[in-house]
PDB file of all heavy atoms in Angstrom:
ATOM      1  N   HIS A   1      10.013  11.956  -6.651  1.00  0.00           N
ATOM      2  CA  HIS A   1      10.048  11.435  -5.258  1.00  0.00           C
ATOM      3  C   HIS A   1      10.309  12.609  -4.417  1.00  0.00           C
ATOM      4  O   HIS A   1      10.904  13.714  -4.693  1.00  0.00           O
ATOM      5  CB  HIS A   1      11.112  10.300  -5.002  1.00  0.00           C
ATOM      6  CG  HIS A   1      11.044   9.151  -5.840  1.00  0.00           C
ATOM      7  ND1 HIS A   1       9.951   8.264  -5.729  1.00  0.00           N
ATOM      8  CD2 HIS A   1      11.725   8.779  -6.913  1.00  0.00           C
ATOM      9  CE1 HIS A   1      10.021   7.172  -6.552  1.00  0.00           C
ATOM     10  NE2 HIS A   1      11.141   7.471  -7.275  1.00  0.00           N
ATOM     11  N   ASP A   2       9.907  12.374  -3.129  1.00  0.00           N
ATOM     12  CA  ASP A   2      10.158  13.324  -2.090  1.00  0.00           C
ATOM     13  C   ASP A   2      11.488  12.949  -1.461  1.00  0.00           C
ATOM     14  O   ASP A   2      11.547  12.265  -0.335  1.00  0.00           O
ATOM     15  CB  ASP A   2       9.057  13.481  -1.092  1.00  0.00           C
ATOM     16  CG  ASP A   2       9.266  14.511   0.110  1.00  0.00           C
ATOM     17  OD1 ASP A   2      10.350  15.165  -0.061  1.00  0.00           O
ATOM     18  OD2 ASP A   2       8.401  14.783   0.834  1.00  0.00           O
ATOM     19  N   TRP A   3      12.509  13.377  -2.056  1.00  0.00           N
ATOM     20  CA  TRP A   3      13.892  12.966  -1.571  1.00  0.00           C
ATOM     21  C   TRP A   3      14.218  13.576  -0.198  1.00  0.00           C
ATOM     22  O   TRP A   3      15.175  13.093   0.490  1.00  0.00           O
ATOM     23  CB  TRP A   3      14.892  13.356  -2.538  1.00  0.00           C
ATOM     24  CG  TRP A   3      14.835  12.588  -3.867  1.00  0.00           C
ATOM     25  CD1 TRP A   3      14.219  13.099  -5.059  1.00  0.00           C
ATOM     26  CD2 TRP A   3      15.349  11.324  -4.212  1.00  0.00           C
ATOM     27  NE1 TRP A   3      14.418  12.152  -6.147  1.00  0.00           N
ATOM     28  CE2 TRP A   3      15.020  11.056  -5.528  1.00  0.00           C
ATOM     29  CE3 TRP A   3      16.092  10.386  -3.335  1.00  0.00           C
ATOM     30  CZ2 TRP A   3      15.381   9.826  -6.035  1.00  0.00           C
ATOM     31  CZ3 TRP A   3      16.469   9.176  -3.920  1.00  0.00           C
ATOM     32  CH2 TRP A   3      16.120   8.889  -5.290  1.00  0.00           C
ATOM     33  N   ASN A   4      13.516  14.595   0.239  1.00  0.00           N
ATOM     34  CA  ASN A   4      13.696  15.144   1.562  1.00  0.00           C
ATOM     35  C   ASN A   4      12.939  14.689   2.713  1.00  0.00           C
ATOM     36  O   ASN A   4      13.174  15.052   3.875  1.00  0.00           O
ATOM     37  CB  ASN A   4      13.520  16.737   1.443  1.00  0.00           C
ATOM     38  CG  ASN A   4      14.457  17.458   0.424  1.00  0.00           C
ATOM     39  OD1 ASN A   4      15.609  17.141   0.438  1.00  0.00           O
ATOM     40  ND2 ASN A   4      13.807  18.222  -0.360  1.00  0.00           N
ATOM     41  N   LYS A   5      12.071  13.648   2.358  1.00  0.00           N
ATOM     42  CA  LYS A   5      11.199  13.120   3.337  1.00  0.00           C
ATOM     43  C   LYS A   5      12.048  12.260   4.414  1.00  0.00           C
ATOM     44  O   LYS A   5      12.973  11.638   4.067  1.00  0.00           O
ATOM     45  CB  LYS A   5      10.200  12.244   2.816  1.00  0.00           C
ATOM     46  CG  LYS A   5       9.104  11.655   3.722  1.00  0.00           C
ATOM     47  CD  LYS A   5       8.093  10.847   3.084  1.00  0.00           C
ATOM     48  CE  LYS A   5       7.046  10.353   4.017  1.00  0.00           C
ATOM     49  NZ  LYS A   5       5.948   9.628   3.323  1.00  0.00           N
ATOM     50  N   LYS A   6      11.727  12.457   5.680  1.00  0.00           N
ATOM     51  CA  LYS A   6      12.374  11.689   6.788  1.00  0.00           C
ATOM     52  C   LYS A   6      11.297  10.879   7.470  1.00  0.00           C
ATOM     53  O   LYS A   6      10.220  11.190   7.505  1.00  0.00           O
ATOM     54  CB  LYS A   6      13.060  12.499   7.744  1.00  0.00           C
ATOM     55  CG  LYS A   6      14.125  13.606   7.089  1.00  0.00           C
ATOM     56  CD  LYS A   6      14.751  14.462   8.168  1.00  0.00           C
ATOM     57  CE  LYS A   6      15.698  15.452   7.499  1.00  0.00           C
ATOM     58  NZ  LYS A   6      16.742  14.769   6.805  1.00  0.00           N
ATOM     59  N   ASN A   7      11.771   9.701   7.837  1.00  0.00           N
ATOM     60  CA  ASN A   7      10.909   8.805   8.595  1.00  0.00           C
ATOM     61  C   ASN A   7      11.772   7.799   9.530  1.00  0.00           C
ATOM     62  O   ASN A   7      12.924   7.835   9.392  1.00  0.00           O
ATOM     63  CB  ASN A   7       9.950   8.031   7.777  1.00  0.00           C
ATOM     64  CG  ASN A   7      10.672   7.053   6.814  1.00  0.00           C
ATOM     65  OD1 ASN A   7      11.728   6.598   7.042  1.00  0.00           O
ATOM     66  ND2 ASN A   7      10.100   6.841   5.726  1.00  0.00           N
ATOM     67  N   TYR A   8      11.033   7.145  10.375  1.00  0.00           N
ATOM     68  CA  TYR A   8      11.694   6.209  11.281  1.00  0.00           C
ATOM     69  C   TYR A   8      12.471   5.089  10.589  1.00  0.00           C
ATOM     70  O   TYR A   8      13.582   4.692  11.036  1.00  0.00           O
ATOM     71  CB  TYR A   8      10.637   5.622  12.330  1.00  0.00           C
ATOM     72  CG  TYR A   8      11.134   4.708  13.345  1.00  0.00           C
ATOM     73  CD1 TYR A   8      12.236   5.044  14.129  1.00  0.00           C
ATOM     74  CD2 TYR A   8      10.712   3.359  13.367  1.00  0.00           C
ATOM     75  CE1 TYR A   8      12.704   4.100  15.055  1.00  0.00           C
ATOM     76  CE2 TYR A   8      11.102   2.480  14.264  1.00  0.00           C
ATOM     77  CZ  TYR A   8      12.145   2.792  15.187  1.00  0.00           C
ATOM     78  OH  TYR A   8      12.636   1.932  16.067  1.00  0.00           O
ATOM     79  N   LEU A   9      11.884   4.605   9.494  1.00  0.00           N
ATOM     80  CA  LEU A   9      12.590   3.524   8.702  1.00  0.00           C
ATOM     81  C   LEU A   9      13.939   3.987   8.234  1.00  0.00           C
ATOM     82  O   LEU A   9      14.941   3.297   8.344  1.00  0.00           O
ATOM     83  CB  LEU A   9      11.671   3.116   7.532  1.00  0.00           C
ATOM     84  CG  LEU A   9      12.349   2.076   6.578  1.00  0.00           C
ATOM     85  CD1 LEU A   9      12.734   0.810   7.402  1.00  0.00           C
ATOM     86  CD2 LEU A   9      11.275   1.720   5.462  1.00  0.00           C
ATOM     87  N   ILE A  10      14.017   5.241   7.742  1.00  0.00           N
ATOM     88  CA  ILE A  10      15.291   5.774   7.262  1.00  0.00           C
ATOM     89  C   ILE A  10      16.295   5.738   8.414  1.00  0.00           C
ATOM     90  O   ILE A  10      17.475   5.534   8.333  1.00  0.00           O
ATOM     91  CB  ILE A  10      15.194   7.161   6.670  1.00  0.00           C
ATOM     92  CG1 ILE A  10      14.288   7.017   5.327  1.00  0.00           C
ATOM     93  CG2 ILE A  10      16.432   7.882   6.407  1.00  0.00           C
ATOM     94  CD1 ILE A  10      13.981   8.467   4.682  1.00  0.00           C
ATOM     95  N   ASP A  11      15.877   6.221   9.658  1.00  0.00           N
ATOM     96  CA  ASP A  11      16.747   6.242  10.752  1.00  0.00           C
ATOM     97  C   ASP A  11      17.284   4.875  11.059  1.00  0.00           C
ATOM     98  O   ASP A  11      18.463   4.656  11.443  1.00  0.00           O
ATOM     99  CB  ASP A  11      15.959   6.900  11.925  1.00  0.00           C
ATOM    100  CG  ASP A  11      15.589   8.356  11.719  1.00  0.00           C
ATOM    101  OD1 ASP A  11      16.329   9.051  10.931  1.00  0.00           O
ATOM    102  OD2 ASP A  11      14.644   8.813  12.452  1.00  0.00           O
ATOM    103  N   VAL A  12      16.371   3.852  11.023  1.00  0.00           N
ATOM    104  CA  VAL A  12      16.750   2.544  11.365  1.00  0.00           C
ATOM    105  C   VAL A  12      17.835   2.018  10.257  1.00  0.00           C
ATOM    106  O   VAL A  12      18.806   1.348  10.756  1.00  0.00           O
ATOM    107  CB  VAL A  12      15.573   1.571  11.395  1.00  0.00           C
ATOM    108  CG1 VAL A  12      15.964   0.135  11.388  1.00  0.00           C
ATOM    109  CG2 VAL A  12      14.599   1.916  12.544  1.00  0.00           C
ATOM    110  N   ILE A  13      17.493   2.265   9.002  1.00  0.00           N
ATOM    111  CA  ILE A  13      18.488   1.774   7.986  1.00  0.00           C
ATOM    112  C   ILE A  13      19.812   2.433   8.220  1.00  0.00           C
ATOM    113  O   ILE A  13      20.961   1.848   8.154  1.00  0.00           O
ATOM    114  CB  ILE A  13      17.927   2.134   6.671  1.00  0.00           C
ATOM    115  CG1 ILE A  13      16.718   1.204   6.212  1.00  0.00           C
ATOM    116  CG2 ILE A  13      18.988   1.943   5.485  1.00  0.00           C
ATOM    117  CD1 ILE A  13      15.942   1.682   5.019  1.00  0.00           C
ATOM    118  N   THR A  14      19.799   3.768   8.639  1.00  0.00           N
ATOM    119  CA  THR A  14      21.089   4.542   8.752  1.00  0.00           C
ATOM    120  C   THR A  14      21.842   3.871   9.924  1.00  0.00           C
ATOM    121  O   THR A  14      23.031   3.685   9.781  1.00  0.00           O
ATOM    122  CB  THR A  14      20.817   5.891   9.020  1.00  0.00           C
ATOM    123  OG1 THR A  14      20.043   6.521   7.867  1.00  0.00           O
ATOM    124  CG2 THR A  14      22.115   6.733   9.220  1.00  0.00           C
ATOM    125  N   LYS A  15      21.180   3.561  11.045  1.00  0.00           N
ATOM    126  CA  LYS A  15      21.884   3.112  12.116  1.00  0.00           C
ATOM    127  C   LYS A  15      22.369   1.602  11.958  1.00  0.00           C
ATOM    128  O   LYS A  15      23.544   1.239  12.425  1.00  0.00           O
ATOM    129  CB  LYS A  15      20.977   3.189  13.465  1.00  0.00           C
ATOM    130  CG  LYS A  15      21.825   2.892  14.779  1.00  0.00           C
ATOM    131  CD  LYS A  15      21.080   3.552  15.978  1.00  0.00           C
ATOM    132  CE  LYS A  15      21.992   3.367  17.184  1.00  0.00           C
ATOM    133  NZ  LYS A  15      21.272   3.951  18.346  1.00  0.00           N
ATOM    134  N   ILE A  16      21.596   0.888  11.303  1.00  0.00           N
ATOM    135  CA  ILE A  16      21.919  -0.515  10.945  1.00  0.00           C
ATOM    136  C   ILE A  16      23.183  -0.564  10.060  1.00  0.00           C
ATOM    137  O   ILE A  16      24.094  -1.386  10.287  1.00  0.00           O
ATOM    138  CB  ILE A  16      20.801  -1.319  10.313  1.00  0.00           C
ATOM    139  CG1 ILE A  16      19.596  -1.594  11.281  1.00  0.00           C
ATOM    140  CG2 ILE A  16      21.263  -2.611   9.794  1.00  0.00           C
ATOM    141  CD1 ILE A  16      19.993  -2.396  12.503  1.00  0.00           C
ATOM    142  N   ASN A  17      23.180   0.403   9.060  1.00  0.00           N
ATOM    143  CA  ASN A  17      24.376   0.361   8.251  1.00  0.00           C
ATOM    144  C   ASN A  17      25.581   0.707   8.887  1.00  0.00           C
ATOM    145  O   ASN A  17      26.645   0.257   8.648  1.00  0.00           O
ATOM    146  CB  ASN A  17      24.082   1.341   7.030  1.00  0.00           C
ATOM    147  CG  ASN A  17      23.064   0.739   5.972  1.00  0.00           C
ATOM    148  OD1 ASN A  17      22.821  -0.367   6.089  1.00  0.00           O
ATOM    149  ND2 ASN A  17      22.625   1.589   5.053  1.00  0.00           N
ATOM    150  N   GLN A  18      25.546   1.638   9.815  1.00  0.00           N
ATOM    151  CA  GLN A  18      26.721   2.079  10.708  1.00  0.00           C
ATOM    152  C   GLN A  18      27.123   0.871  11.556  1.00  0.00           C
ATOM    153  O   GLN A  18      28.303   0.633  11.757  1.00  0.00           O
ATOM    154  CB  GLN A  18      26.329   3.219  11.636  1.00  0.00           C
ATOM    155  CG  GLN A  18      27.484   3.746  12.451  1.00  0.00           C
ATOM    156  CD  GLN A  18      28.625   4.230  11.420  1.00  0.00           C
ATOM    157  OE1 GLN A  18      28.411   5.043  10.520  1.00  0.00           O
ATOM    158  NE2 GLN A  18      29.889   3.754  11.711  1.00  0.00           N
ATOM    159  N   ILE A  19      26.226   0.161  12.174  1.00  0.00           N
ATOM    160  CA  ILE A  19      26.534  -1.086  12.917  1.00  0.00           C
ATOM    161  C   ILE A  19      27.306  -2.038  12.017  1.00  0.00           C
ATOM    162  O   ILE A  19      28.286  -2.708  12.439  1.00  0.00           O
ATOM    163  CB  ILE A  19      25.243  -1.695  13.589  1.00  0.00           C
ATOM    164  CG1 ILE A  19      24.715  -0.737  14.634  1.00  0.00           C
ATOM    165  CG2 ILE A  19      25.588  -3.150  14.111  1.00  0.00           C
ATOM    166  CD1 ILE A  19      23.395  -1.170  15.262  1.00  0.00           C
ATOM    167  N   ARG A  20      26.856  -2.159  10.831  1.00  0.00           N
ATOM    168  CA  ARG A  20      27.510  -3.143   9.873  1.00  0.00           C
ATOM    169  C   ARG A  20      29.020  -2.669   9.709  1.00  0.00           C
ATOM    170  O   ARG A  20      29.901  -3.471   9.553  1.00  0.00           O
ATOM    171  CB  ARG A  20      26.847  -3.190   8.585  1.00  0.00           C
ATOM    172  CG  ARG A  20      25.543  -3.962   8.540  1.00  0.00           C
ATOM    173  CD  ARG A  20      24.720  -3.886   7.393  1.00  0.00           C
ATOM    174  NE  ARG A  20      25.331  -3.941   6.102  1.00  0.00           N
ATOM    175  CZ  ARG A  20      25.680  -5.104   5.373  1.00  0.00           C
ATOM    176  NH1 ARG A  20      25.341  -6.242   5.861  1.00  0.00           N
ATOM    177  NH2 ARG A  20      26.192  -5.028   4.207  1.00  0.00           N
ATOM    178  N   LYS A  21      29.251  -1.457   9.489  1.00  0.00           N
ATOM    179  CA  LYS A  21      30.526  -0.852   9.261  1.00  0.00           C
ATOM    180  C   LYS A  21      31.420  -1.004  10.472  1.00  0.00           C
ATOM    181  O   LYS A  21      32.622  -1.129  10.372  1.00  0.00           O
ATOM    182  CB  LYS A  21      30.418   0.654   8.853  1.00  0.00           C
ATOM    183  CG  LYS A  21      29.955   0.959   7.496  1.00  0.00           C
ATOM    184  CD  LYS A  21      29.753   2.440   7.241  1.00  0.00           C
ATOM    185  CE  LYS A  21      29.271   2.692   5.901  1.00  0.00           C
ATOM    186  NZ  LYS A  21      29.172   4.111   5.606  1.00  0.00           N
ATOM    187  N   ASP A  22      30.822  -0.973  11.630  1.00  0.00           N
ATOM    188  CA  ASP A  22      31.569  -1.139  12.855  1.00  0.00           C
ATOM    189  C   ASP A  22      31.833  -2.501  13.238  1.00  0.00           C
ATOM    190  O   ASP A  22      32.871  -2.636  14.141  1.00  0.00           O
ATOM    191  CB  ASP A  22      30.849  -0.467  13.976  1.00  0.00           C
ATOM    192  CG  ASP A  22      30.773   1.138  13.841  1.00  0.00           C
ATOM    193  OD1 ASP A  22      31.494   1.660  13.007  1.00  0.00           O
ATOM    194  OD2 ASP A  22      29.787   1.789  14.471  1.00  0.00           O
ATOM    195  N   HIS A  23      31.255  -3.478  12.782  1.00  0.00           N
ATOM    196  CA  HIS A  23      31.386  -4.834  13.330  1.00  0.00           C
ATOM    197  C   HIS A  23      31.702  -5.875  12.208  1.00  0.00           C
ATOM    198  O   HIS A  23      30.988  -6.154  11.179  1.00  0.00           O
ATOM    199  CB  HIS A  23      30.180  -5.219  14.071  1.00  0.00           C
ATOM    200  CG  HIS A  23      29.856  -4.491  15.327  1.00  0.00           C
ATOM    201  ND1 HIS A  23      30.456  -4.953  16.426  1.00  0.00           N
ATOM    202  CD2 HIS A  23      29.359  -3.337  15.546  1.00  0.00           C
ATOM    203  CE1 HIS A  23      30.209  -4.063  17.400  1.00  0.00           C
ATOM    204  NE2 HIS A  23      29.480  -3.007  16.927  1.00  0.00           N
ATOM    205  N   GLU A  24      32.945  -6.465  12.352  1.00  0.00           N
ATOM    206  CA  GLU A  24      33.434  -7.385  11.395  1.00  0.00           C
ATOM    207  C   GLU A  24      32.549  -8.697  11.365  1.00  0.00           C
ATOM    208  O   GLU A  24      32.440  -9.278  10.295  1.00  0.00           O
ATOM    209  CB  GLU A  24      34.773  -7.873  11.811  1.00  0.00           C
ATOM    210  CG  GLU A  24      35.882  -6.759  11.538  1.00  0.00           C
ATOM    211  CD  GLU A  24      37.330  -7.301  11.779  1.00  0.00           C
ATOM    212  OE1 GLU A  24      37.397  -8.591  12.223  1.00  0.00           O
ATOM    213  OE2 GLU A  24      38.252  -6.579  11.586  1.00  0.00           O
ATOM    214  N   ALA A  25      31.794  -8.968  12.381  1.00  0.00           N
ATOM    215  CA  ALA A  25      30.933 -10.162  12.363  1.00  0.00           C
ATOM    216  C   ALA A  25      29.897  -9.961  11.267  1.00  0.00           C
ATOM    217  O   ALA A  25      29.385 -11.121  10.629  1.00  0.00           O
ATOM    218  CB  ALA A  25      30.303 -10.336  13.664  1.00  0.00           C
ATOM    219  N   LEU A  26      29.510  -8.801  11.009  1.00  0.00           N
ATOM    220  CA  LEU A  26      28.531  -8.617   9.970  1.00  0.00           C
ATOM    221  C   LEU A  26      29.032  -8.327   8.568  1.00  0.00           C
ATOM    222  O   LEU A  26      28.358  -8.056   7.604  1.00  0.00           O
ATOM    223  CB  LEU A  26      27.530  -7.409  10.338  1.00  0.00           C
ATOM    224  CG  LEU A  26      26.830  -7.639  11.633  1.00  0.00           C
ATOM    225  CD1 LEU A  26      26.059  -6.290  11.905  1.00  0.00           C
ATOM    226  CD2 LEU A  26      25.833  -8.962  11.570  1.00  0.00           C
ATOM    227  N   GLN A  27      30.430  -8.331   8.460  1.00  0.00           N
ATOM    228  CA  GLN A  27      31.073  -8.108   7.189  1.00  0.00           C
ATOM    229  C   GLN A  27      31.443  -9.315   6.486  1.00  0.00           C
ATOM    230  O   GLN A  27      32.240  -9.352   5.527  1.00  0.00           O
ATOM    231  CB  GLN A  27      32.298  -7.141   7.390  1.00  0.00           C
ATOM    232  CG  GLN A  27      31.892  -5.813   7.910  1.00  0.00           C
ATOM    233  CD  GLN A  27      33.085  -4.935   8.367  1.00  0.00           C
ATOM    234  OE1 GLN A  27      34.140  -5.272   8.032  1.00  0.00           O
ATOM    235  NE2 GLN A  27      32.813  -4.081   9.135  1.00  0.00           N
ATOM    236  N   GLN A  28      30.870 -10.478   6.966  1.00  0.00           N
ATOM    237  CA  GLN A  28      31.012 -11.781   6.293  1.00  0.00           C
ATOM    238  C   GLN A  28      29.694 -12.489   6.581  1.00  0.00           C
ATOM    239  O   GLN A  28      28.853 -12.141   7.277  1.00  0.00           O
ATOM    240  CB  GLN A  28      32.343 -12.474   6.875  1.00  0.00           C
ATOM    241  CG  GLN A  28      32.255 -12.700   8.336  1.00  0.00           C
ATOM    242  CD  GLN A  28      31.160 -13.809   8.723  1.00  0.00           C
ATOM    243  OE1 GLN A  28      31.194 -14.801   8.146  1.00  0.00           O
ATOM    244  NE2 GLN A  28      30.371 -13.593   9.764  1.00  0.00           N
ATOM    245  N   THR A  29      29.474 -13.545   5.751  1.00  0.00           N
ATOM    246  CA  THR A  29      28.235 -14.206   5.726  1.00  0.00           C
ATOM    247  C   THR A  29      28.355 -15.624   6.417  1.00  0.00           C
ATOM    248  O   THR A  29      27.331 -16.027   7.082  1.00  0.00           O
ATOM    249  CB  THR A  29      27.689 -14.383   4.328  1.00  0.00           C
ATOM    250  OG1 THR A  29      27.536 -13.134   3.745  1.00  0.00           O
ATOM    251  CG2 THR A  29      26.358 -15.178   4.270  1.00  0.00           C
ATOM    252  N   ASN A  30      29.489 -16.307   6.284  1.00  0.00           N
ATOM    253  CA  ASN A  30      29.462 -17.683   6.407  1.00  0.00           C
ATOM    254  C   ASN A  30      29.719 -18.112   8.025  1.00  0.00           C
ATOM    255  O   ASN A  30      29.302 -19.251   8.394  1.00  0.00           O
ATOM    256  CB  ASN A  30      30.681 -18.415   5.851  1.00  0.00           C
ATOM    257  CG  ASN A  30      30.305 -18.436   4.220  1.00  0.00           C
ATOM    258  OD1 ASN A  30      29.173 -18.361   3.869  1.00  0.00           O
ATOM    259  ND2 ASN A  30      31.438 -18.424   3.472  1.00  0.00           N
ATOM    260  N   HIS A  31      30.217 -17.149   8.822  1.00  0.00           N
ATOM    261  CA  HIS A  31      30.370 -17.608  10.279  1.00  0.00           C
ATOM    262  C   HIS A  31      29.066 -17.322  10.967  1.00  0.00           C
ATOM    263  O   HIS A  31      28.884 -16.240  11.493  1.00  0.00           O
ATOM    264  CB  HIS A  31      31.479 -16.793  10.878  1.00  0.00           C
ATOM    265  CG  HIS A  31      32.806 -17.076  10.344  1.00  0.00           C
ATOM    266  ND1 HIS A  31      33.301 -18.294  10.060  1.00  0.00           N
ATOM    267  CD2 HIS A  31      33.795 -16.239   9.992  1.00  0.00           C
ATOM    268  CE1 HIS A  31      34.499 -18.266   9.574  1.00  0.00           C
ATOM    269  NE2 HIS A  31      34.831 -17.008   9.490  1.00  0.00           N
ATOM    270  N   LEU A  32      28.219 -18.295  10.974  1.00  0.00           N
ATOM    271  CA  LEU A  32      26.738 -18.178  11.414  1.00  0.00           C
ATOM    272  C   LEU A  32      26.282 -19.450  12.031  1.00  0.00           C
ATOM    273  O   LEU A  32      26.524 -20.559  11.554  1.00  0.00           O
ATOM    274  CB  LEU A  32      25.907 -17.871  10.185  1.00  0.00           C
ATOM    275  CG  LEU A  32      24.397 -17.995  10.313  1.00  0.00           C
ATOM    276  CD1 LEU A  32      23.807 -16.822  11.158  1.00  0.00           C
ATOM    277  CD2 LEU A  32      23.735 -18.067   8.948  1.00  0.00           C
ATOM    278  N   ARG A  33      25.656 -19.319  13.160  1.00  0.00           N
ATOM    279  CA  ARG A  33      24.968 -20.376  13.850  1.00  0.00           C
ATOM    280  C   ARG A  33      23.590 -20.096  14.354  1.00  0.00           C
ATOM    281  O   ARG A  33      23.461 -19.115  15.016  1.00  0.00           O
ATOM    282  CB  ARG A  33      25.708 -21.171  14.965  1.00  0.00           C
ATOM    283  CG  ARG A  33      24.995 -22.076  15.644  1.00  0.00           C
ATOM    284  CD  ARG A  33      25.736 -22.787  16.735  1.00  0.00           C
ATOM    285  NE  ARG A  33      24.831 -23.666  17.530  1.00  0.00           N
ATOM    286  CZ  ARG A  33      25.281 -24.420  18.502  1.00  0.00           C
ATOM    287  NH1 ARG A  33      26.523 -24.455  18.847  1.00  0.00           N
ATOM    288  NH2 ARG A  33      24.193 -25.067  19.161  1.00  0.00           N
ATOM    289  N   PHE A  34      22.593 -20.793  13.961  1.00  0.00           N
ATOM    290  CA  PHE A  34      21.259 -20.402  14.439  1.00  0.00           C
ATOM    291  C   PHE A  34      21.027 -21.024  15.883  1.00  0.00           C
ATOM    292  O   PHE A  34      21.579 -22.088  16.121  1.00  0.00           O
ATOM    293  CB  PHE A  34      20.166 -21.013  13.468  1.00  0.00           C
ATOM    294  CG  PHE A  34      20.014 -20.299  12.260  1.00  0.00           C
ATOM    295  CD1 PHE A  34      20.645 -20.656  11.074  1.00  0.00           C
ATOM    296  CD2 PHE A  34      19.308 -19.087  12.207  1.00  0.00           C
ATOM    297  CE1 PHE A  34      20.607 -19.959   9.892  1.00  0.00           C
ATOM    298  CE2 PHE A  34      19.190 -18.281  11.046  1.00  0.00           C
ATOM    299  CZ  PHE A  34      19.826 -18.789   9.817  1.00  0.00           C
ATOM    300  N   CYS A  35      20.332 -20.347  16.640  1.00  0.00           N
ATOM    301  CA  CYS A  35      20.028 -20.648  18.058  1.00  0.00           C
ATOM    302  C   CYS A  35      18.693 -21.227  18.300  1.00  0.00           C
ATOM    303  O   CYS A  35      17.736 -20.682  17.514  1.00  0.00           O
ATOM    304  CB  CYS A  35      20.303 -19.518  18.996  1.00  0.00           C
ATOM    305  SG  CYS A  35      22.008 -18.705  18.671  1.00  0.00           S
ATOM    306  N   GLU A  36      18.493 -22.016  19.188  1.00  0.00           N
ATOM    307  CA  GLU A  36      17.192 -22.469  19.611  1.00  0.00           C
ATOM    308  C   GLU A  36      16.401 -21.333  20.195  1.00  0.00           C
ATOM    309  O   GLU A  36      16.845 -20.636  21.143  1.00  0.00           O
ATOM    310  CB  GLU A  36      17.331 -23.643  20.602  1.00  0.00           C
ATOM    311  CG  GLU A  36      17.719 -24.918  19.961  1.00  0.00           C
ATOM    312  CD  GLU A  36      16.644 -25.560  19.073  1.00  0.00           C
ATOM    313  OE1 GLU A  36      15.509 -25.317  19.328  1.00  0.00           O
ATOM    314  OE2 GLU A  36      17.079 -26.148  18.124  1.00  0.00           O
ATOM    315  N   ILE A  37      15.153 -21.273  19.772  1.00  0.00           N
ATOM    316  CA  ILE A  37      14.216 -20.205  20.431  1.00  0.00           C
ATOM    317  C   ILE A  37      12.818 -20.896  20.123  1.00  0.00           C
ATOM    318  O   ILE A  37      12.485 -20.823  18.984  1.00  0.00           O
ATOM    319  CB  ILE A  37      14.447 -18.842  19.931  1.00  0.00           C
ATOM    320  CG1 ILE A  37      13.594 -17.911  20.746  1.00  0.00           C
ATOM    321  CG2 ILE A  37      14.277 -18.667  18.462  1.00  0.00           C
ATOM    322  CD1 ILE A  37      13.936 -16.430  20.683  1.00  0.00           C
ATOM    323  N   HIS A  38      12.125 -21.250  21.110  1.00  0.00           N
ATOM    324  CA  HIS A  38      10.943 -21.949  20.844  1.00  0.00           C
ATOM    325  C   HIS A  38       9.710 -21.075  20.577  1.00  0.00           C
ATOM    326  O   HIS A  38       8.710 -21.118  21.306  1.00  0.00           O
ATOM    327  CB  HIS A  38      10.491 -22.960  22.057  1.00  0.00           C
ATOM    328  CG  HIS A  38      11.801 -23.881  22.246  1.00  0.00           C
ATOM    329  ND1 HIS A  38      11.918 -24.545  23.417  1.00  0.00           N
ATOM    330  CD2 HIS A  38      12.664 -24.421  21.406  1.00  0.00           C
ATOM    331  CE1 HIS A  38      13.049 -25.282  23.334  1.00  0.00           C
ATOM    332  NE2 HIS A  38      13.366 -25.272  22.121  1.00  0.00           N
ATOM    333  N   ASN A  39       9.775 -20.354  19.484  1.00  0.00           N
ATOM    334  CA  ASN A  39       8.721 -19.478  18.949  1.00  0.00           C
ATOM    335  C   ASN A  39       8.944 -19.305  17.465  1.00  0.00           C
ATOM    336  O   ASN A  39      10.020 -18.723  17.032  1.00  0.00           O
ATOM    337  CB  ASN A  39       8.711 -18.170  19.663  1.00  0.00           C
ATOM    338  CG  ASN A  39       7.563 -17.309  19.208  1.00  0.00           C
ATOM    339  OD1 ASN A  39       7.127 -17.312  18.099  1.00  0.00           O
ATOM    340  ND2 ASN A  39       7.172 -16.277  20.135  1.00  0.00           N
ATOM    341  N   ASP A  40       8.108 -19.805  16.590  1.00  0.00           N
ATOM    342  CA  ASP A  40       8.275 -19.747  15.055  1.00  0.00           C
ATOM    343  C   ASP A  40       8.327 -18.327  14.578  1.00  0.00           C
ATOM    344  O   ASP A  40       8.671 -18.138  13.404  1.00  0.00           O
ATOM    345  CB  ASP A  40       7.219 -20.617  14.334  1.00  0.00           C
ATOM    346  CG  ASP A  40       7.677 -22.069  14.529  1.00  0.00           C
ATOM    347  OD1 ASP A  40       8.792 -22.445  14.877  1.00  0.00           O
ATOM    348  OD2 ASP A  40       6.766 -22.912  14.305  1.00  0.00           O
ATOM    349  N   ASN A  41       7.871 -17.471  15.413  1.00  0.00           N
ATOM    350  CA  ASN A  41       7.840 -15.913  15.028  1.00  0.00           C
ATOM    351  C   ASN A  41       9.094 -15.191  15.439  1.00  0.00           C
ATOM    352  O   ASN A  41       9.221 -13.993  15.071  1.00  0.00           O
ATOM    353  CB  ASN A  41       6.657 -15.224  15.512  1.00  0.00           C
ATOM    354  CG  ASN A  41       5.341 -15.646  14.921  1.00  0.00           C
ATOM    355  OD1 ASN A  41       5.209 -15.541  13.737  1.00  0.00           O
ATOM    356  ND2 ASN A  41       4.361 -16.057  15.707  1.00  0.00           N
ATOM    357  N   LEU A  42      10.023 -15.907  16.194  1.00  0.00           N
ATOM    358  CA  LEU A  42      11.309 -15.252  16.493  1.00  0.00           C
ATOM    359  C   LEU A  42      12.320 -16.214  15.931  1.00  0.00           C
ATOM    360  O   LEU A  42      12.378 -17.422  15.894  1.00  0.00           O
ATOM    361  CB  LEU A  42      11.420 -15.340  17.964  1.00  0.00           C
ATOM    362  CG  LEU A  42      10.527 -14.446  18.752  1.00  0.00           C
ATOM    363  CD1 LEU A  42      10.793 -14.631  20.249  1.00  0.00           C
ATOM    364  CD2 LEU A  42      10.738 -12.921  18.549  1.00  0.00           C
ATOM    365  N   ILE A  43      13.351 -15.380  15.288  1.00  0.00           N
ATOM    366  CA  ILE A  43      14.601 -16.104  14.666  1.00  0.00           C
ATOM    367  C   ILE A  43      15.748 -15.535  15.438  1.00  0.00           C
ATOM    368  O   ILE A  43      15.850 -14.371  15.642  1.00  0.00           O
ATOM    369  CB  ILE A  43      14.592 -16.010  13.214  1.00  0.00           C
ATOM    370  CG1 ILE A  43      15.769 -16.837  12.596  1.00  0.00           C
ATOM    371  CG2 ILE A  43      14.829 -14.526  12.744  1.00  0.00           C
ATOM    372  CD1 ILE A  43      15.715 -16.935  11.077  1.00  0.00           C
TER     373      ILE A  43
END
């Protein structure tokens, strides 16, 4: 593999993982409520 390759996806993953570390809301699964949004392509 090209272990030194960089791309935008790696940057996104890195920042998302940091957000997870910084926010307790993402450090658990069960406190969740889905919201109404009238577009099946948006969740």
